[in-house]
PDB file of N, CA and C in Angstrom:
ATOM      1  N   UNK A   1      92.344  26.575 -50.559  1.00  0.00           N
ATOM      2  CA  UNK A   1      91.656  27.782 -50.998  1.00  0.00           C
ATOM      3  C   UNK A   1      91.429  27.707 -52.506  1.00  0.00           C
ATOM      4  N   UNK A   2      90.450  28.396 -52.949  1.00  0.00           N
ATOM      5  CA  UNK A   2      90.060  28.410 -54.355  1.00  0.00           C
ATOM      6  C   UNK A   2      91.090  29.137 -55.212  1.00  0.00           C
ATOM      7  N   UNK A   3      91.091  28.814 -56.484  1.00  0.00           N
ATOM      8  CA  UNK A   3      91.959  29.534 -57.426  1.00  0.00           C
ATOM      9  C   UNK A   3      91.440  30.946 -57.685  1.00  0.00           C
ATOM     10  N   UNK A   4      90.258  31.279 -57.181  1.00  0.00           N
ATOM     11  CA  UNK A   4      89.654  32.591 -57.418  1.00  0.00           C
ATOM     12  C   UNK A   4      90.089  33.653 -56.422  1.00  0.00           C
ATOM     13  N   UNK A   5      90.549  33.247 -55.232  1.00  0.00           N
ATOM     14  CA  UNK A   5      91.019  34.213 -54.235  1.00  0.00           C
ATOM     15  C   UNK A   5      92.276  33.686 -53.561  1.00  0.00           C
ATOM     16  N   UNK A   6      93.061  34.608 -53.060  1.00  0.00           N
ATOM     17  CA  UNK A   6      94.203  34.249 -52.217  1.00  0.00           C
ATOM     18  C   UNK A   6      94.052  35.011 -50.908  1.00  0.00           C
ATOM     19  N   UNK A   7      94.591  34.443 -49.853  1.00  0.00           N
ATOM     20  CA  UNK A   7      94.531  35.072 -48.533  1.00  0.00           C
ATOM     21  C   UNK A   7      95.947  35.174 -47.989  1.00  0.00           C
ATOM     22  N   UNK A   8      96.307  36.361 -47.532  1.00  0.00           N
ATOM     23  CA  UNK A   8      97.563  36.540 -46.813  1.00  0.00           C
ATOM     24  C   UNK A   8      97.252  37.283 -45.517  1.00  0.00           C
ATOM     25  N   UNK A   9      97.947  36.895 -44.460  1.00  0.00           N
ATOM     26  CA  UNK A   9      97.720  37.497 -43.142  1.00  0.00           C
ATOM     27  C   UNK A   9      99.066  37.957 -42.590  1.00  0.00           C
ATOM     28  N   UNK A  10      99.129  39.247 -42.245  1.00  0.00           N
ATOM     29  CA  UNK A  10     100.344  39.820 -41.667  1.00  0.00           C
ATOM     30  C   UNK A  10      99.937  40.850 -40.622  1.00  0.00           C
ATOM     31  N   UNK A  11     100.422  40.681 -39.410  1.00  0.00           N
ATOM     32  CA  UNK A  11     100.188  41.667 -38.361  1.00  0.00           C
ATOM     33  C   UNK A  11      98.719  41.907 -38.046  1.00  0.00           C
ATOM     34  N   UNK A  12      97.905  40.869 -38.097  1.00  0.00           N
ATOM     35  CA  UNK A  12      96.487  41.007 -37.777  1.00  0.00           C
ATOM     36  C   UNK A  12      95.629  41.517 -38.924  1.00  0.00           C
ATOM     37  N   UNK A  13      96.259  41.730 -40.096  1.00  0.00           N
ATOM     38  CA  UNK A  13      95.534  42.219 -41.263  1.00  0.00           C
ATOM     39  C   UNK A  13      95.484  41.104 -42.305  1.00  0.00           C
ATOM     40  N   UNK A  14      94.267  40.722 -42.687  1.00  0.00           N
ATOM     41  CA  UNK A  14      94.088  39.698 -43.716  1.00  0.00           C
ATOM     42  C   UNK A  14      93.755  40.395 -45.031  1.00  0.00           C
ATOM     43  N   UNK A  15      94.460  40.013 -46.072  1.00  0.00           N
ATOM     44  CA  UNK A  15      94.174  40.526 -47.417  1.00  0.00           C
ATOM     45  C   UNK A  15      93.569  39.391 -48.223  1.00  0.00           C
ATOM     46  N   UNK A  16      92.314  39.550 -48.598  1.00  0.00           N
ATOM     47  CA  UNK A  16      91.640  38.612 -49.487  1.00  0.00           C
ATOM     48  C   UNK A  16      91.708  39.231 -50.878  1.00  0.00           C
ATOM     49  N   UNK A  17      92.467  38.598 -51.745  1.00  0.00           N
ATOM     50  CA  UNK A  17      92.694  39.178 -53.068  1.00  0.00           C
ATOM     51  C   UNK A  17      91.975  38.363 -54.141  1.00  0.00           C
ATOM     52  N   UNK A  18      91.178  39.053 -54.945  1.00  0.00           N
ATOM     53  CA  UNK A  18      90.533  38.434 -56.096  1.00  0.00           C
ATOM     54  C   UNK A  18      91.614  38.160 -57.128  1.00  0.00           C
ATOM     55  N   UNK A  19      91.697  36.930 -57.627  1.00  0.00           N
ATOM     56  CA  UNK A  19      92.834  36.552 -58.480  1.00  0.00           C
ATOM     57  C   UNK A  19      92.379  36.095 -59.859  1.00  0.00           C
ATOM     58  N   UNK A  20      91.598  36.915 -60.474  1.00  0.00           N
ATOM     59  CA  UNK A  20      91.114  36.617 -61.823  1.00  0.00           C
ATOM     60  C   UNK A  20      91.363  37.839 -62.716  1.00  0.00           C
ATOM     61  N   UNK A  21      92.601  38.291 -62.712  1.00  0.00           N
ATOM     62  CA  UNK A  21      92.932  39.543 -63.396  1.00  0.00           C
ATOM     63  C   UNK A  21      92.708  39.466 -64.906  1.00  0.00           C
ATOM     64  N   UNK A  22      92.773  38.271 -65.481  1.00  0.00           N
ATOM     65  CA  UNK A  22      92.522  38.134 -66.922  1.00  0.00           C
ATOM     66  C   UNK A  22      91.093  38.515 -67.294  1.00  0.00           C
ATOM     67  N   UNK A  23      90.184  38.449 -66.324  1.00  0.00           N
ATOM     68  CA  UNK A  23      88.778  38.852 -66.509  1.00  0.00           C
ATOM     69  C   UNK A  23      88.458  40.102 -65.687  1.00  0.00           C
ATOM     70  N   UNK A  24      89.502  40.852 -65.337  1.00  0.00           N
ATOM     71  CA  UNK A  24      89.373  42.075 -64.528  1.00  0.00           C
ATOM     72  C   UNK A  24      88.645  41.780 -63.206  1.00  0.00           C
ATOM     73  N   UNK A  25      88.882  40.567 -62.683  1.00  0.00           N
ATOM     74  CA  UNK A  25      88.326  40.102 -61.416  1.00  0.00           C
ATOM     75  C   UNK A  25      86.796  40.110 -61.391  1.00  0.00           C
ATOM     76  N   UNK A  26      86.195  39.874 -62.551  1.00  0.00           N
ATOM     77  CA  UNK A  26      84.735  39.818 -62.634  1.00  0.00           C
ATOM     78  C   UNK A  26      84.210  38.648 -61.794  1.00  0.00           C
ATOM     79  N   UNK A  27      83.073  38.867 -61.175  1.00  0.00           N
ATOM     80  CA  UNK A  27      82.491  37.881 -60.263  1.00  0.00           C
ATOM     81  C   UNK A  27      81.664  36.852 -61.021  1.00  0.00           C
ATOM     82  N   UNK A  28      82.043  35.587 -60.859  1.00  0.00           N
ATOM     83  CA  UNK A  28      81.260  34.477 -61.378  1.00  0.00           C
ATOM     84  C   UNK A  28      80.841  33.622 -60.176  1.00  0.00           C
ATOM     85  N   UNK A  29      80.042  32.595 -60.362  1.00  0.00           N
ATOM     86  CA  UNK A  29      79.599  31.801 -59.207  1.00  0.00           C
ATOM     87  C   UNK A  29      80.741  31.247 -58.352  1.00  0.00           C
ATOM     88  N   UNK A  30      81.821  30.802 -58.999  1.00  0.00           N
ATOM     89  CA  UNK A  30      82.959  30.280 -58.240  1.00  0.00           C
ATOM     90  C   UNK A  30      83.622  31.370 -57.400  1.00  0.00           C
ATOM     91  N   UNK A  31      83.692  32.596 -57.930  1.00  0.00           N
ATOM     92  CA  UNK A  31      84.284  33.706 -57.190  1.00  0.00           C
ATOM     93  C   UNK A  31      83.431  34.061 -55.973  1.00  0.00           C
ATOM     94  N   UNK A  32      82.100  34.114 -56.152  1.00  0.00           N
ATOM     95  CA  UNK A  32      81.209  34.373 -55.016  1.00  0.00           C
ATOM     96  C   UNK A  32      81.429  33.339 -53.912  1.00  0.00           C
ATOM     97  N   UNK A  33      81.500  32.067 -54.292  1.00  0.00           N
ATOM     98  CA  UNK A  33      81.709  31.001 -53.318  1.00  0.00           C
ATOM     99  C   UNK A  33      83.062  31.148 -52.621  1.00  0.00           C
ATOM    100  N   UNK A  34      84.101  31.464 -53.386  1.00  0.00           N
ATOM    101  CA  UNK A  34      85.441  31.603 -52.809  1.00  0.00           C
ATOM    102  C   UNK A  34      85.509  32.758 -51.818  1.00  0.00           C
ATOM    103  N   UNK A  35      84.860  33.876 -52.121  1.00  0.00           N
ATOM    104  CA  UNK A  35      84.855  35.016 -51.199  1.00  0.00           C
ATOM    105  C   UNK A  35      84.099  34.645 -49.914  1.00  0.00           C
ATOM    106  N   UNK A  36      82.983  33.960 -50.048  1.00  0.00           N
ATOM    107  CA  UNK A  36      82.223  33.529 -48.868  1.00  0.00           C
ATOM    108  C   UNK A  36      83.035  32.553 -48.017  1.00  0.00           C
ATOM    109  N   UNK A  37      83.722  31.618 -48.652  1.00  0.00           N
ATOM    110  CA  UNK A  37      84.563  30.668 -47.920  1.00  0.00           C
ATOM    111  C   UNK A  37      85.705  31.376 -47.206  1.00  0.00           C
ATOM    112  N   UNK A  38      86.284  32.382 -47.843  1.00  0.00           N
ATOM    113  CA  UNK A  38      87.355  33.152 -47.206  1.00  0.00           C
ATOM    114  C   UNK A  38      86.821  33.855 -45.962  1.00  0.00           C
ATOM    115  N   UNK A  39      85.635  34.434 -46.048  1.00  0.00           N
ATOM    116  CA  UNK A  39      85.029  35.091 -44.892  1.00  0.00           C
ATOM    117  C   UNK A  39      84.770  34.123 -43.754  1.00  0.00           C
ATOM    118  N   UNK A  40      84.263  32.948 -44.081  1.00  0.00           N
ATOM    119  CA  UNK A  40      84.016  31.934 -43.046  1.00  0.00           C
ATOM    120  C   UNK A  40      85.312  31.525 -42.358  1.00  0.00           C
ATOM    121  N   UNK A  41      86.364  31.358 -43.138  1.00  0.00           N
ATOM    122  CA  UNK A  41      87.654  30.985 -42.559  1.00  0.00           C
ATOM    123  C   UNK A  41      88.190  32.093 -41.661  1.00  0.00           C
ATOM    124  N   UNK A  42      88.125  33.324 -42.142  1.00  0.00           N
ATOM    125  CA  UNK A  42      88.763  34.426 -41.425  1.00  0.00           C
ATOM    126  C   UNK A  42      88.015  34.839 -40.162  1.00  0.00           C
ATOM    127  N   UNK A  43      86.728  34.576 -40.088  1.00  0.00           N
ATOM    128  CA  UNK A  43      86.009  35.000 -38.877  1.00  0.00           C
ATOM    129  C   UNK A  43      86.429  34.202 -37.646  1.00  0.00           C
ATOM    130  N   UNK A  44      87.108  33.084 -37.837  1.00  0.00           N
ATOM    131  CA  UNK A  44      87.603  32.312 -36.692  1.00  0.00           C
ATOM    132  C   UNK A  44      89.129  32.259 -36.645  1.00  0.00           C
ATOM    133  N   UNK A  45      89.785  32.992 -37.533  1.00  0.00           N
ATOM    134  CA  UNK A  45      91.256  32.992 -37.580  1.00  0.00           C
ATOM    135  C   UNK A  45      91.803  33.809 -36.411  1.00  0.00           C
ATOM    136  N   UNK A  46      92.603  33.185 -35.546  1.00  0.00           N
ATOM    137  CA  UNK A  46      93.138  33.907 -34.387  1.00  0.00           C
ATOM    138  C   UNK A  46      94.000  35.103 -34.800  1.00  0.00           C
ATOM    139  N   UNK A  47      93.800  36.209 -34.141  1.00  0.00           N
ATOM    140  CA  UNK A  47      94.641  37.381 -34.343  1.00  0.00           C
ATOM    141  C   UNK A  47      94.222  38.303 -35.476  1.00  0.00           C
ATOM    142  N   UNK A  48      93.291  37.894 -36.317  1.00  0.00           N
ATOM    143  CA  UNK A  48      92.868  38.760 -37.424  1.00  0.00           C
ATOM    144  C   UNK A  48      91.936  39.832 -36.880  1.00  0.00           C
ATOM    145  N   UNK A  49      92.288  41.098 -37.124  1.00  0.00           N
ATOM    146  CA  UNK A  49      91.473  42.222 -36.669  1.00  0.00           C
ATOM    147  C   UNK A  49      90.846  42.986 -37.822  1.00  0.00           C
ATOM    148  N   UNK A  50      91.459  42.875 -39.014  1.00  0.00           N
ATOM    149  CA  UNK A  50      91.000  43.633 -40.177  1.00  0.00           C
ATOM    150  C   UNK A  50      91.054  42.721 -41.402  1.00  0.00           C
ATOM    151  N   UNK A  51      90.054  42.840 -42.267  1.00  0.00           N
ATOM    152  CA  UNK A  51      90.058  42.127 -43.544  1.00  0.00           C
ATOM    153  C   UNK A  51      89.950  43.154 -44.666  1.00  0.00           C
ATOM    154  N   UNK A  52      90.902  43.084 -45.592  1.00  0.00           N
ATOM    155  CA  UNK A  52      90.924  43.970 -46.753  1.00  0.00           C
ATOM    156  C   UNK A  52      90.599  43.129 -47.979  1.00  0.00           C
ATOM    157  N   UNK A  53      89.678  43.595 -48.791  1.00  0.00           N
ATOM    158  CA  UNK A  53      89.347  42.926 -50.046  1.00  0.00           C
ATOM    159  C   UNK A  53      90.000  43.723 -51.171  1.00  0.00           C
ATOM    160  N   UNK A  54      90.856  43.060 -51.942  1.00  0.00           N
ATOM    161  CA  UNK A  54      91.567  43.740 -53.024  1.00  0.00           C
ATOM    162  C   UNK A  54      91.506  42.898 -54.294  1.00  0.00           C
ATOM    163  N   UNK A  55      91.947  43.483 -55.392  1.00  0.00           N
ATOM    164  CA  UNK A  55      91.949  42.785 -56.666  1.00  0.00           C
ATOM    165  C   UNK A  55      93.334  42.731 -57.266  1.00  0.00           C
ATOM    166  N   UNK A  56      93.660  41.606 -57.851  1.00  0.00           N
ATOM    167  CA  UNK A  56      94.939  41.437 -58.537  1.00  0.00           C
ATOM    168  C   UNK A  56      94.889  42.176 -59.874  1.00  0.00           C
ATOM    169  N   UNK A  57      95.990  42.763 -60.280  1.00  0.00           N
ATOM    170  CA  UNK A  57      96.057  43.442 -61.566  1.00  0.00           C
ATOM    171  C   UNK A  57      95.565  44.873 -61.489  1.00  0.00           C
ATOM    172  N   UNK A  58      95.264  45.462 -62.647  1.00  0.00           N
ATOM    173  CA  UNK A  58      94.906  46.885 -62.700  1.00  0.00           C
ATOM    174  C   UNK A  58      93.487  47.215 -62.237  1.00  0.00           C
ATOM    175  N   UNK A  59      92.637  46.209 -62.081  1.00  0.00           N
ATOM    176  CA  UNK A  59      91.241  46.470 -61.703  1.00  0.00           C
ATOM    177  C   UNK A  59      90.913  45.776 -60.387  1.00  0.00           C
ATOM    178  N   UNK A  60      90.110  46.470 -59.561  1.00  0.00           N
ATOM    179  CA  UNK A  60      89.617  45.822 -58.355  1.00  0.00           C
ATOM    180  C   UNK A  60      88.629  44.746 -58.741  1.00  0.00           C
ATOM    181  N   UNK A  61      87.555  45.128 -59.423  1.00  0.00           N
ATOM    182  CA  UNK A  61      86.525  44.180 -59.827  1.00  0.00           C
ATOM    183  C   UNK A  61      85.636  44.833 -60.883  1.00  0.00           C
ATOM    184  N   UNK A  62      85.433  44.128 -61.991  1.00  0.00           N
ATOM    185  CA  UNK A  62      84.619  44.661 -63.078  1.00  0.00           C
ATOM    186  C   UNK A  62      83.121  44.470 -62.843  1.00  0.00           C
ATOM    187  N   UNK A  63      82.754  43.785 -61.779  1.00  0.00           N
ATOM    188  CA  UNK A  63      81.340  43.503 -61.522  1.00  0.00           C
ATOM    189  C   UNK A  63      81.027  42.061 -61.879  1.00  0.00           C
ATOM    190  N   UNK A  64      79.795  41.816 -62.292  1.00  0.00           N
ATOM    191  CA  UNK A  64      79.380  40.456 -62.621  1.00  0.00           C
ATOM    192  C   UNK A  64      79.959  40.012 -63.964  1.00  0.00           C
ATOM    193  N   UNK A  65      80.357  38.743 -63.997  1.00  0.00           N
ATOM    194  CA  UNK A  65      80.800  38.137 -65.247  1.00  0.00           C
ATOM    195  C   UNK A  65      79.545  37.638 -65.967  1.00  0.00           C
ATOM    196  N   UNK A  66      79.060  38.414 -66.913  1.00  0.00           N
ATOM    197  CA  UNK A  66      77.806  38.096 -67.593  1.00  0.00           C
ATOM    198  C   UNK A  66      77.905  36.863 -68.475  1.00  0.00           C
ATOM    199  N   UNK A  67      79.126  36.434 -68.806  1.00  0.00           N
ATOM    200  CA  UNK A  67      79.267  35.235 -69.633  1.00  0.00           C
ATOM    201  C   UNK A  67      79.061  33.945 -68.841  1.00  0.00           C
ATOM    202  N   UNK A  68      79.046  34.053 -67.523  1.00  0.00           N
ATOM    203  CA  UNK A  68      78.835  32.849 -66.708  1.00  0.00           C
ATOM    204  C   UNK A  68      77.393  32.702 -66.459  1.00  0.00           C
TER     205      UNK A  68
END
């Protein structure tokens, strides 16, 4: 998995967490790719019924990373 997201699965619930808290989880091209890859993986993961998208640190997501 990418350094931009982490995935944990417990009791049929998958948590896809944005892990770029130093940039307030701002979306750059690598983050977009990592989220898409996580979705592709989870749509065939046995037992997963729910996917939660969350952000590491104090912010969920600041939006686009304009510096990228």
